[in-house]
C-alpha atoms as a PDB file:
ATOM      1  CA  MET A   1     -74.607 132.509  55.917  1.00  0.00           C
ATOM      2  CA  THR A   2     -77.842 130.959  54.660  1.00  0.00           C
ATOM      3  CA  VAL A   3     -77.498 128.043  52.251  1.00  0.00           C
ATOM      4  CA  VAL A   4     -80.159 127.696  49.568  1.00  0.00           C
ATOM      5  CA  GLY A   5     -80.887 125.608  46.501  1.00  0.00           C
ATOM      6  CA  VAL A   6     -80.186 122.120  45.275  1.00  0.00           C
ATOM      7  CA  GLU A   7     -76.525 123.045  44.832  1.00  0.00           C
ATOM      8  CA  ALA A   8     -76.076 123.401  48.591  1.00  0.00           C
ATOM      9  CA  SER A   9     -77.376 119.934  49.334  1.00  0.00           C
ATOM     10  CA  GLU A  10     -75.469 118.344  46.454  1.00  0.00           C
ATOM     11  CA  LEU A  11     -72.124 119.968  47.199  1.00  0.00           C
ATOM     12  CA  GLU A  12     -72.195 119.705  50.960  1.00  0.00           C
ATOM     13  CA  THR A  13     -73.249 116.066  50.770  1.00  0.00           C
ATOM     14  CA  ALA A  14     -70.361 115.371  48.388  1.00  0.00           C
ATOM     15  CA  VAL A  15     -67.853 117.049  50.704  1.00  0.00           C
ATOM     16  CA  GLY A  16     -69.277 115.305  53.760  1.00  0.00           C
ATOM     17  CA  SER A  17     -69.063 111.904  52.078  1.00  0.00           C
ATOM     18  CA  ALA A  18     -65.484 112.565  50.977  1.00  0.00           C
ATOM     19  CA  LEU A  19     -64.335 113.628  54.419  1.00  0.00           C
ATOM     20  CA  GLY A  20     -66.137 110.692  55.975  1.00  0.00           C
ATOM     21  CA  ASN A  21     -63.669 108.398  54.200  1.00  0.00           C
ATOM     22  CA  CYS A  22     -60.547 109.868  55.791  1.00  0.00           C
ATOM     23  CA  THR A  23     -59.457 110.414  59.381  1.00  0.00           C
ATOM     24  CA  HIS A  24     -57.530 113.640  58.742  1.00  0.00           C
ATOM     25  CA  ALA A  25     -57.919 115.953  55.745  1.00  0.00           C
ATOM     26  CA  VAL A  26     -55.993 118.765  54.094  1.00  0.00           C
ATOM     27  CA  LEU A  27     -58.214 120.999  51.966  1.00  0.00           C
ATOM     28  CA  ALA A  28     -56.256 122.361  49.003  1.00  0.00           C
ATOM     29  CA  VAL A  29     -57.638 125.900  48.652  1.00  0.00           C
ATOM     30  CA  SER A  30     -56.168 128.294  46.099  1.00  0.00           C
ATOM     31  CA  GLY A  31     -58.566 131.180  46.609  1.00  0.00           C
ATOM     32  CA  GLY A  32     -60.318 130.631  43.279  1.00  0.00           C
ATOM     33  CA  LEU A  33     -64.044 129.951  42.912  1.00  0.00           C
ATOM     34  CA  ASP A  34     -63.935 126.126  42.973  1.00  0.00           C
ATOM     35  CA  SER A  35     -61.718 125.736  46.022  1.00  0.00           C
ATOM     36  CA  MET A  36     -63.443 128.512  47.974  1.00  0.00           C
ATOM     37  CA  VAL A  37     -66.715 126.653  47.462  1.00  0.00           C
ATOM     38  CA  LEU A  38     -64.963 123.552  48.824  1.00  0.00           C
ATOM     39  CA  LEU A  39     -63.942 125.555  51.904  1.00  0.00           C
ATOM     40  CA  ALA A  40     -67.436 127.018  52.317  1.00  0.00           C
ATOM     41  CA  ALA A  41     -69.097 123.607  52.025  1.00  0.00           C
ATOM     42  CA  ALA A  42     -66.665 122.079  54.534  1.00  0.00           C
ATOM     43  CA  SER A  43     -67.353 124.900  57.000  1.00  0.00           C
ATOM     44  CA  ARG A  44     -71.040 123.867  57.092  1.00  0.00           C
ATOM     45  CA  LEU A  45     -70.304 120.302  58.149  1.00  0.00           C
ATOM     46  CA  PRO A  46     -71.017 119.067  61.703  1.00  0.00           C
ATOM     47  CA  ALA A  47     -68.373 119.920  64.298  1.00  0.00           C
ATOM     48  CA  ARG A  48     -67.129 116.331  64.537  1.00  0.00           C
ATOM     49  CA  ALA A  49     -66.422 116.309  60.780  1.00  0.00           C
ATOM     50  CA  ARG A  50     -64.632 119.685  60.888  1.00  0.00           C
ATOM     51  CA  ARG A  51     -62.400 118.764  63.816  1.00  0.00           C
ATOM     52  CA  ASN A  52     -59.622 117.126  61.796  1.00  0.00           C
ATOM     53  CA  ILE A  53     -59.584 119.471  58.794  1.00  0.00           C
ATOM     54  CA  VAL A  54     -56.603 121.663  57.918  1.00  0.00           C
ATOM     55  CA  VAL A  55     -56.627 124.190  55.080  1.00  0.00           C
ATOM     56  CA  ALA A  56     -53.515 124.553  52.912  1.00  0.00           C
ATOM     57  CA  THR A  57     -52.892 127.344  50.423  1.00  0.00           C
ATOM     58  CA  PHE A  58     -49.882 128.066  48.236  1.00  0.00           C
ATOM     59  CA  ASP A  59     -48.742 131.476  46.996  1.00  0.00           C
ATOM     60  CA  HIS A  60     -46.964 131.064  43.645  1.00  0.00           C
ATOM     61  CA  GLY A  61     -45.535 134.568  43.999  1.00  0.00           C
ATOM     62  CA  THR A  62     -46.794 135.523  40.554  1.00  0.00           C
ATOM     63  CA  GLY A  63     -48.343 138.856  41.467  1.00  0.00           C
ATOM     64  CA  LYS A  64     -50.946 140.745  43.477  1.00  0.00           C
ATOM     65  CA  ALA A  65     -53.737 138.287  42.704  1.00  0.00           C
ATOM     66  CA  ALA A  66     -51.757 135.357  44.100  1.00  0.00           C
ATOM     67  CA  GLY A  67     -50.944 137.222  47.317  1.00  0.00           C
ATOM     68  CA  LYS A  68     -54.526 138.449  47.657  1.00  0.00           C
ATOM     69  CA  ALA A  69     -55.818 134.897  47.215  1.00  0.00           C
ATOM     70  CA  ALA A  70     -53.546 133.550  49.966  1.00  0.00           C
ATOM     71  CA  VAL A  71     -54.732 136.268  52.373  1.00  0.00           C
ATOM     72  CA  LEU A  72     -58.380 135.547  51.525  1.00  0.00           C
ATOM     73  CA  VAL A  73     -57.967 131.822  52.150  1.00  0.00           C
ATOM     74  CA  ALA A  74     -56.278 132.405  55.511  1.00  0.00           C
ATOM     75  CA  ARG A  75     -59.002 134.832  56.585  1.00  0.00           C
ATOM     76  CA  GLN A  76     -61.904 132.582  55.562  1.00  0.00           C
ATOM     77  CA  ALA A  77     -60.261 129.515  57.102  1.00  0.00           C
ATOM     78  CA  PHE A  78     -59.887 131.387  60.411  1.00  0.00           C
ATOM     79  CA  ARG A  79     -63.524 132.485  60.319  1.00  0.00           C
ATOM     80  CA  SER A  80     -64.548 128.869  59.713  1.00  0.00           C
ATOM     81  CA  GLY A  81     -62.453 127.630  62.630  1.00  0.00           C
ATOM     82  CA  PHE A  82     -59.829 125.839  60.526  1.00  0.00           C
ATOM     83  CA  LEU A  83     -56.072 125.948  60.914  1.00  0.00           C
ATOM     84  CA  CYS A  84     -54.524 127.334  57.723  1.00  0.00           C
ATOM     85  CA  VAL A  85     -51.032 126.445  56.517  1.00  0.00           C
ATOM     86  CA  THR A  86     -49.566 128.779  53.895  1.00  0.00           C
ATOM     87  CA  GLY A  87     -46.655 128.065  51.578  1.00  0.00           C
ATOM     88  CA  ARG A  88     -44.861 130.307  49.113  1.00  0.00           C
ATOM     89  CA  ALA A  89     -42.791 129.485  46.052  1.00  0.00           C
ATOM     90  CA  SER A  90     -39.053 129.948  46.520  1.00  0.00           C
ATOM     91  CA  THR A  91     -38.708 130.782  42.827  1.00  0.00           C
ATOM     92  CA  ILE A  92     -41.328 132.347  40.588  1.00  0.00           C
ATOM     93  CA  GLY A  93     -42.267 130.004  37.747  1.00  0.00           C
ATOM     94  CA  THR A  94     -43.739 131.063  34.421  1.00  0.00           C
ATOM     95  CA  LYS A  95     -45.288 127.780  33.255  1.00  0.00           C
ATOM     96  CA  GLU A  96     -48.347 125.904  34.469  1.00  0.00           C
ATOM     97  CA  GLU A  97     -46.284 122.781  35.069  1.00  0.00           C
ATOM     98  CA  GLU A  98     -43.883 124.684  37.342  1.00  0.00           C
ATOM     99  CA  TRP A  99     -46.789 126.076  39.342  1.00  0.00           C
ATOM    100  CA  ARG A 100     -48.426 122.656  39.609  1.00  0.00           C
ATOM    101  CA  ARG A 101     -45.202 120.972  40.708  1.00  0.00           C
ATOM    102  CA  GLY A 102     -44.500 123.556  43.419  1.00  0.00           C
ATOM    103  CA  ARG A 103     -48.058 123.469  44.707  1.00  0.00           C
ATOM    104  CA  TRP A 104     -48.197 119.678  44.907  1.00  0.00           C
ATOM    105  CA  GLU A 105     -44.827 119.423  46.605  1.00  0.00           C
ATOM    106  CA  PHE A 106     -46.153 121.764  49.285  1.00  0.00           C
ATOM    107  CA  LEU A 107     -49.488 119.934  49.653  1.00  0.00           C
ATOM    108  CA  ARG A 108     -47.801 116.545  49.983  1.00  0.00           C
ATOM    109  CA  GLN A 109     -45.471 117.908  52.656  1.00  0.00           C
ATOM    110  CA  VAL A 110     -48.400 119.284  54.655  1.00  0.00           C
ATOM    111  CA  ALA A 111     -50.348 116.035  54.289  1.00  0.00           C
ATOM    112  CA  ALA A 112     -47.379 113.848  55.224  1.00  0.00           C
ATOM    113  CA  LYS A 113     -46.632 115.894  58.339  1.00  0.00           C
ATOM    114  CA  ARG A 114     -50.191 115.408  59.548  1.00  0.00           C
ATOM    115  CA  ASP A 115     -50.779 111.925  58.110  1.00  0.00           C
ATOM    116  CA  SER A 116     -53.688 113.408  56.162  1.00  0.00           C
ATOM    117  CA  THR A 117     -55.472 112.975  52.848  1.00  0.00           C
ATOM    118  CA  VAL A 118     -55.448 115.837  50.345  1.00  0.00           C
ATOM    119  CA  ILE A 119     -58.905 117.014  49.224  1.00  0.00           C
ATOM    120  CA  THR A 120     -59.142 119.094  46.044  1.00  0.00           C
ATOM    121  CA  ALA A 121     -61.943 120.963  44.268  1.00  0.00           C
ATOM    122  CA  HIS A 122     -61.465 119.468  40.788  1.00  0.00           C
ATOM    123  CA  THR A 123     -64.716 119.414  38.835  1.00  0.00           C
ATOM    124  CA  LEU A 124     -66.162 117.478  35.900  1.00  0.00           C
ATOM    125  CA  ASP A 125     -65.010 120.327  33.661  1.00  0.00           C
ATOM    126  CA  ASP A 126     -61.433 119.782  34.862  1.00  0.00           C
ATOM    127  CA  GLN A 127     -61.684 116.110  33.935  1.00  0.00           C
ATOM    128  CA  ILE A 128     -62.990 116.897  30.444  1.00  0.00           C
ATOM    129  CA  GLU A 129     -60.207 119.434  29.867  1.00  0.00           C
ATOM    130  CA  THR A 130     -57.566 117.063  31.217  1.00  0.00           C
ATOM    131  CA  VAL A 131     -58.603 114.171  28.975  1.00  0.00           C
ATOM    132  CA  PHE A 132     -58.670 116.452  25.929  1.00  0.00           C
ATOM    133  CA  MET A 133     -55.190 117.742  26.759  1.00  0.00           C
ATOM    134  CA  ARG A 134     -53.931 114.165  27.104  1.00  0.00           C
ATOM    135  CA  ILE A 135     -55.327 113.341  23.664  1.00  0.00           C
ATOM    136  CA  LEU A 136     -53.525 116.322  22.152  1.00  0.00           C
ATOM    137  CA  ARG A 137     -50.314 115.109  23.799  1.00  0.00           C
ATOM    138  CA  ASP A 138     -50.746 111.624  22.343  1.00  0.00           C
ATOM    139  CA  ALA A 139     -51.238 109.937  25.715  1.00  0.00           C
ATOM    140  CA  GLY A 140     -51.925 106.218  25.893  1.00  0.00           C
ATOM    141  CA  PRO A 141     -54.842 104.559  27.735  1.00  0.00           C
ATOM    142  CA  ARG A 142     -53.046 104.992  31.047  1.00  0.00           C
ATOM    143  CA  GLY A 143     -52.975 108.778  30.680  1.00  0.00           C
ATOM    144  CA  LEU A 144     -56.458 109.059  29.162  1.00  0.00           C
ATOM    145  CA  ALA A 145     -58.043 107.978  32.440  1.00  0.00           C
ATOM    146  CA  GLY A 146     -57.221 111.486  33.644  1.00  0.00           C
ATOM    147  CA  LEU A 147     -58.635 112.255  37.081  1.00  0.00           C
ATOM    148  CA  TYR A 148     -60.570 108.967  37.102  1.00  0.00           C
ATOM    149  CA  ALA A 149     -57.322 107.088  37.732  1.00  0.00           C
ATOM    150  CA  GLU A 150     -57.064 105.637  41.227  1.00  0.00           C
ATOM    151  CA  SER A 151     -55.273 108.073  43.498  1.00  0.00           C
ATOM    152  CA  GLU A 152     -54.679 108.936  47.132  1.00  0.00           C
ATOM    153  CA  ILE A 153     -56.220 112.352  46.334  1.00  0.00           C
ATOM    154  CA  ILE A 154     -59.957 112.769  47.039  1.00  0.00           C
ATOM    155  CA  ARG A 155     -62.023 114.942  44.697  1.00  0.00           C
ATOM    156  CA  PRO A 156     -65.599 115.370  45.969  1.00  0.00           C
ATOM    157  CA  PHE A 157     -66.684 117.589  43.049  1.00  0.00           C
ATOM    158  CA  LEU A 158     -65.411 115.347  40.250  1.00  0.00           C
ATOM    159  CA  ASP A 159     -68.970 114.489  39.151  1.00  0.00           C
ATOM    160  CA  VAL A 160     -70.164 118.099  39.407  1.00  0.00           C
ATOM    161  CA  TYR A 161     -69.962 120.759  36.701  1.00  0.00           C
ATOM    162  CA  ARG A 162     -68.254 124.046  37.469  1.00  0.00           C
ATOM    163  CA  ALA A 163     -71.519 125.907  36.761  1.00  0.00           C
ATOM    164  CA  THR A 164     -73.066 124.277  39.838  1.00  0.00           C
ATOM    165  CA  LEU A 165     -70.226 125.583  41.991  1.00  0.00           C
ATOM    166  CA  ALA A 166     -70.659 129.043  40.458  1.00  0.00           C
ATOM    167  CA  LYS A 167     -74.353 129.069  41.406  1.00  0.00           C
ATOM    168  CA  TYR A 168     -73.507 128.018  44.952  1.00  0.00           C
ATOM    169  CA  ALA A 169     -70.924 130.790  45.215  1.00  0.00           C
ATOM    170  CA  GLU A 170     -73.339 133.400  43.891  1.00  0.00           C
ATOM    171  CA  ARG A 171     -76.269 132.414  46.070  1.00  0.00           C
ATOM    172  CA  ASN A 172     -74.194 132.104  49.226  1.00  0.00           C
ATOM    173  CA  ARG A 173     -71.870 135.058  48.601  1.00  0.00           C
ATOM    174  CA  VAL A 174     -68.732 132.940  48.679  1.00  0.00           C
ATOM    175  CA  PRO A 175     -65.754 135.296  48.209  1.00  0.00           C
ATOM    176  CA  PHE A 176     -63.034 134.296  45.767  1.00  0.00           C
ATOM    177  CA  VAL A 177     -60.197 135.824  43.763  1.00  0.00           C
ATOM    178  CA  GLN A 178     -60.213 135.731  39.989  1.00  0.00           C
ATOM    179  CA  ASP A 179     -56.695 134.835  38.863  1.00  0.00           C
ATOM    180  CA  PRO A 180     -55.780 136.815  35.702  1.00  0.00           C
ATOM    181  CA  SER A 181     -53.701 133.859  34.485  1.00  0.00           C
ATOM    182  CA  ASN A 182     -56.932 131.897  33.994  1.00  0.00           C
ATOM    183  CA  HIS A 183     -57.612 134.038  30.922  1.00  0.00           C
ATOM    184  CA  ASP A 184     -54.085 134.002  29.524  1.00  0.00           C
ATOM    185  CA  ARG A 185     -54.267 132.036  26.290  1.00  0.00           C
ATOM    186  CA  LYS A 186     -50.559 131.280  26.230  1.00  0.00           C
ATOM    187  CA  HIS A 187     -51.457 128.395  28.561  1.00  0.00           C
ATOM    188  CA  LEU A 188     -52.866 125.361  26.726  1.00  0.00           C
ATOM    189  CA  ARG A 189     -55.564 124.609  29.284  1.00  0.00           C
ATOM    190  CA  ASN A 190     -56.966 128.130  28.942  1.00  0.00           C
ATOM    191  CA  ARG A 191     -57.100 127.858  25.152  1.00  0.00           C
ATOM    192  CA  ILE A 192     -58.898 124.553  25.513  1.00  0.00           C
ATOM    193  CA  ARG A 193     -61.328 125.914  28.104  1.00  0.00           C
ATOM    194  CA  LEU A 194     -62.051 129.258  26.471  1.00  0.00           C
ATOM    195  CA  ASP A 195     -61.816 128.537  22.745  1.00  0.00           C
ATOM    196  CA  ILE A 196     -61.258 124.980  21.537  1.00  0.00           C
ATOM    197  CA  LEU A 197     -63.784 122.984  23.554  1.00  0.00           C
ATOM    198  CA  PRO A 198     -66.618 125.537  23.193  1.00  0.00           C
ATOM    199  CA  SER A 199     -66.064 125.537  19.421  1.00  0.00           C
ATOM    200  CA  ILE A 200     -66.185 121.732  19.242  1.00  0.00           C
ATOM    201  CA  VAL A 201     -69.196 121.458  21.553  1.00  0.00           C
ATOM    202  CA  LYS A 202     -71.079 123.965  19.416  1.00  0.00           C
ATOM    203  CA  ARG A 203     -70.887 121.515  16.507  1.00  0.00           C
ATOM    204  CA  ASN A 204     -70.995 118.317  18.578  1.00  0.00           C
ATOM    205  CA  PRO A 205     -72.841 118.797  21.905  1.00  0.00           C
ATOM    206  CA  GLY A 206     -72.115 115.206  22.902  1.00  0.00           C
ATOM    207  CA  PHE A 207     -68.338 115.616  22.711  1.00  0.00           C
ATOM    208  CA  PRO A 208     -67.751 116.035  26.488  1.00  0.00           C
ATOM    209  CA  ASP A 209     -69.696 112.839  27.186  1.00  0.00           C
ATOM    210  CA  GLU A 210     -67.564 111.033  24.611  1.00  0.00           C
ATOM    211  CA  LEU A 211     -64.417 112.202  26.386  1.00  0.00           C
ATOM    212  CA  LEU A 212     -65.764 111.070  29.756  1.00  0.00           C
ATOM    213  CA  SER A 213     -66.721 107.673  28.341  1.00  0.00           C
ATOM    214  CA  LEU A 214     -63.202 107.277  26.978  1.00  0.00           C
ATOM    215  CA  ALA A 215     -61.782 108.232  30.390  1.00  0.00           C
ATOM    216  CA  ARG A 216     -63.941 105.681  32.224  1.00  0.00           C
ATOM    217  CA  LYS A 217     -62.911 102.892  29.847  1.00  0.00           C
ATOM    218  CA  SER A 218     -59.279 103.917  30.225  1.00  0.00           C
ATOM    219  CA  ALA A 219     -59.602 103.906  34.020  1.00  0.00           C
ATOM    220  CA  ASP A 220     -61.086 100.401  33.907  1.00  0.00           C
ATOM    221  CA  TRP A 221     -58.271  99.297  31.612  1.00  0.00           C
ATOM    222  CA  ARG A 222     -55.725 100.888  33.922  1.00  0.00           C
ATOM    223  CA  ARG A 223     -57.091  98.967  36.943  1.00  0.00           C
ATOM    224  CA  SER A 224     -56.866  95.710  34.985  1.00  0.00           C
ATOM    225  CA  LEU A 225     -53.312  96.592  34.073  1.00  0.00           C
ATOM    226  CA  GLU A 226     -52.394  97.209  37.693  1.00  0.00           C
ATOM    227  CA  ASP A 227     -53.658  93.728  38.491  1.00  0.00           C
ATOM    228  CA  LEU A 228     -51.483  92.290  35.709  1.00  0.00           C
ATOM    229  CA  ALA A 229     -48.457  94.290  36.828  1.00  0.00           C
ATOM    230  CA  GLY A 230     -48.996  92.871  40.295  1.00  0.00           C
ATOM    231  CA  THR A 231     -47.898  89.470  38.987  1.00  0.00           C
ATOM    232  CA  VAL A 232     -44.474  90.883  38.057  1.00  0.00           C
ATOM    233  CA  GLU A 233     -41.912  90.461  40.837  1.00  0.00           C
ATOM    234  CA  SER A 234     -40.420  93.814  41.767  1.00  0.00           C
ATOM    235  CA  GLU A 235     -38.824  95.425  44.769  1.00  0.00           C
ATOM    236  CA  ALA A 236     -38.319  99.066  45.653  1.00  0.00           C
ATOM    237  CA  GLU A 237     -34.706 100.172  45.976  1.00  0.00           C
ATOM    238  CA  ARG A 238     -33.646 101.949  49.153  1.00  0.00           C
ATOM    239  CA  GLU A 239     -32.405 104.920  47.086  1.00  0.00           C
ATOM    240  CA  GLY A 240     -35.595 105.319  45.082  1.00  0.00           C
ATOM    241  CA  GLY A 241     -35.331 102.913  42.156  1.00  0.00           C
ATOM    242  CA  LEU A 242     -37.209  99.733  41.266  1.00  0.00           C
ATOM    243  CA  ARG A 243     -35.697  96.272  40.851  1.00  0.00           C
ATOM    244  CA  ILE A 244     -37.682  94.011  38.480  1.00  0.00           C
ATOM    245  CA  ARG A 245     -36.943  90.297  38.184  1.00  0.00           C
ATOM    246  CA  ARG A 246     -36.154  89.425  34.563  1.00  0.00           C
ATOM    247  CA  SER A 247     -37.816  86.024  34.776  1.00  0.00           C
ATOM    248  CA  SER A 248     -41.146  87.777  35.609  1.00  0.00           C
ATOM    249  CA  LEU A 249     -41.063  89.503  32.215  1.00  0.00           C
ATOM    250  CA  GLU A 250     -40.251  86.404  30.173  1.00  0.00           C
ATOM    251  CA  GLY A 251     -42.940  85.333  27.735  1.00  0.00           C
ATOM    252  CA  TYR A 252     -44.398  88.802  27.175  1.00  0.00           C
ATOM    253  CA  ASP A 253     -44.184  90.157  23.651  1.00  0.00           C
ATOM    254  CA  ALA A 254     -43.391  93.790  22.796  1.00  0.00           C
ATOM    255  CA  ASP A 255     -47.047  94.873  22.795  1.00  0.00           C
ATOM    256  CA  CYS A 256     -47.629  93.492  26.288  1.00  0.00           C
ATOM    257  CA  LEU A 257     -44.385  94.995  27.589  1.00  0.00           C
ATOM    258  CA  ARG A 258     -45.343  98.436  26.250  1.00  0.00           C
ATOM    259  CA  VAL A 259     -48.448  98.144  28.393  1.00  0.00           C
ATOM    260  CA  LEU A 260     -46.682  96.775  31.464  1.00  0.00           C
ATOM    261  CA  TRP A 261     -43.746  99.188  31.693  1.00  0.00           C
ATOM    262  CA  PRO A 262     -45.729 102.372  32.492  1.00  0.00           C
ATOM    263  CA  ALA A 263     -47.497 100.534  35.341  1.00  0.00           C
ATOM    264  CA  LEU A 264     -44.204  99.239  36.690  1.00  0.00           C
ATOM    265  CA  ALA A 265     -42.563 102.657  36.370  1.00  0.00           C
ATOM    266  CA  ALA A 266     -45.407 104.245  38.335  1.00  0.00           C
ATOM    267  CA  ARG A 267     -44.289 102.197  41.358  1.00  0.00           C
ATOM    268  CA  ALA A 268     -41.113 104.266  41.318  1.00  0.00           C
ATOM    269  CA  SER A 269     -43.069 107.514  40.713  1.00  0.00           C
ATOM    270  CA  VAL A 270     -41.756 107.608  37.149  1.00  0.00           C
ATOM    271  CA  VAL A 271     -43.971 108.641  34.232  1.00  0.00           C
ATOM    272  CA  MET A 272     -42.999 107.054  30.903  1.00  0.00           C
ATOM    273  CA  ASP A 273     -43.812 108.702  27.606  1.00  0.00           C
ATOM    274  CA  ARG A 274     -44.733 106.731  24.500  1.00  0.00           C
ATOM    275  CA  ARG A 275     -41.171 106.637  23.156  1.00  0.00           C
ATOM    276  CA  GLY A 276     -39.885 105.485  26.522  1.00  0.00           C
ATOM    277  CA  THR A 277     -42.306 102.570  26.711  1.00  0.00           C
ATOM    278  CA  HIS A 278     -41.297 101.419  23.217  1.00  0.00           C
ATOM    279  CA  ARG A 279     -37.603 101.583  24.095  1.00  0.00           C
ATOM    280  CA  ALA A 280     -38.124  99.815  27.422  1.00  0.00           C
ATOM    281  CA  ALA A 281     -40.030  96.992  25.719  1.00  0.00           C
ATOM    282  CA  GLU A 282     -37.356  96.548  23.058  1.00  0.00           C
ATOM    283  CA  PHE A 283     -34.585  96.642  25.678  1.00  0.00           C
ATOM    284  CA  THR A 284     -36.373  94.002  27.771  1.00  0.00           C
ATOM    285  CA  ILE A 285     -36.401  91.603  24.815  1.00  0.00           C
ATOM    286  CA  LYS A 286     -33.083  92.404  23.133  1.00  0.00           C
ATOM    287  CA  GLY A 287     -30.940  94.013  25.846  1.00  0.00           C
ATOM    288  CA  ALA A 288     -27.779  92.331  27.045  1.00  0.00           C
ATOM    289  CA  THR A 289     -26.594  91.973  30.624  1.00  0.00           C
ATOM    290  CA  GLY A 290     -24.611  95.078  31.562  1.00  0.00           C
ATOM    291  CA  GLY A 291     -26.475  97.256  29.061  1.00  0.00           C
ATOM    292  CA  THR A 292     -28.146 100.564  29.944  1.00  0.00           C
ATOM    293  CA  ILE A 293     -30.619 102.833  28.219  1.00  0.00           C
ATOM    294  CA  GLN A 294     -31.459 106.417  29.181  1.00  0.00           C
ATOM    295  CA  LEU A 295     -35.031 107.666  28.960  1.00  0.00           C
ATOM    296  CA  SER A 296     -36.477 111.163  29.107  1.00  0.00           C
ATOM    297  CA  GLY A 297     -36.942 112.702  32.529  1.00  0.00           C
ATOM    298  CA  GLY A 298     -33.544 111.660  33.874  1.00  0.00           C
ATOM    299  CA  VAL A 299     -34.394 107.950  34.104  1.00  0.00           C
ATOM    300  CA  GLU A 300     -32.355 104.922  33.112  1.00  0.00           C
ATOM    301  CA  ILE A 301     -32.889 101.177  32.925  1.00  0.00           C
ATOM    302  CA  VAL A 302     -29.954  98.927  33.718  1.00  0.00           C
ATOM    303  CA  MET A 303     -29.896  95.265  32.684  1.00  0.00           C
ATOM    304  CA  ARG A 304     -28.422  93.011  35.368  1.00  0.00           C
ATOM    305  CA  ARG A 305     -27.973  89.239  35.286  1.00  0.00           C
ATOM    306  CA  ASP A 306     -31.214  88.395  37.085  1.00  0.00           C
ATOM    307  CA  HIS A 307     -33.059  91.708  37.235  1.00  0.00           C
ATOM    308  CA  MET A 308     -33.650  95.065  35.533  1.00  0.00           C
ATOM    309  CA  LEU A 309     -33.100  98.249  37.521  1.00  0.00           C
ATOM    310  CA  LEU A 310     -35.184 101.347  36.856  1.00  0.00           C
ATOM    311  CA  ARG A 311     -33.658 104.394  38.535  1.00  0.00           C
ATOM    312  CA  ARG A 312     -32.710 108.056  38.255  1.00  0.00           C
ATOM    313  CA  TRP A 313     -29.391 108.830  36.606  1.00  0.00           C
ATOM    314  CA  ARG A 314     -26.563 108.542  39.112  1.00  0.00           C
ATOM    315  CA  SER A 315     -24.231 110.745  37.052  1.00  0.00           C
ATOM    316  CA  GLU A 316     -24.017 112.534  33.721  1.00  0.00           C
ATOM    317  CA  PRO A 317     -25.548 109.936  31.380  1.00  0.00           C
ATOM    318  CA  THR A 318     -23.384 108.182  28.835  1.00  0.00           C
ATOM    319  CA  GLU A 319     -25.614 105.713  27.062  1.00  0.00           C
ATOM    320  CA  ILE A 320     -24.437 102.176  26.508  1.00  0.00           C
ATOM    321  CA  ARG A 321     -26.141 100.821  23.430  1.00  0.00           C
ATOM    322  CA  ALA A 322     -27.676  97.478  24.190  1.00  0.00           C
END
């Protein structure tokens, strides 16, 4: 395969730089255009860089296209000299969130088994769409960082538009499978990608840049917040909760606590919505020892004499009003 054009140099350099930062890598390849370009670019790297790469693909079981994509990925990975690990959903989901959750559970298992870093093909378009979706869902600054938030995931194409990947695929005959669900407007992201954003950009061409600027500021704010949260004494529970010393939260008003709680919850892999952060802040100030509040997502906060305990519900929740 002959590589031509600026796109080749740009994309392959990005992938090479990304892989140079990790000892072992798992390429998340779905069979779609973006991830197949990731696979193609990785296959052109020097042998020493390719040695510790594993390809992982996940069949959601949603139809012929999904099965065809998994077969394509396995075939192309083999031709490129990569080991390919394939997973398949045990139950067939109907929502994007179900598909995402199943896929990421699989990818994390593959990465953990091999002590590897997950590499994805997310593009600048994905970031713009993600930030816009977060705005529609009334996300706070923490959520508005989108894919710019610090993460163990590496995304070499995050500063590259999808159109660049499309040119690379066309010029280098990169095979991929077009998933019919990408055009199904019952999914919010597709409506945003196909209808809403193009309509807005037609009237305001600078809108994507405004979203990206907002995301960068939110990411900076989020890093500052992590530093602040680092001053709060907390300890992970053996069974998956988080113990937070009450004295570390003294002196913060409700506004500060609404900012701190999402960062603290993230340490326990818990995502707090806006209502949850408000309730957690109020409970921190007014809650009594022995009190408990339940939050969405099967999470509760228990007030103990010297600490607060954030954890998953141990049983059917019966809320104790604090």
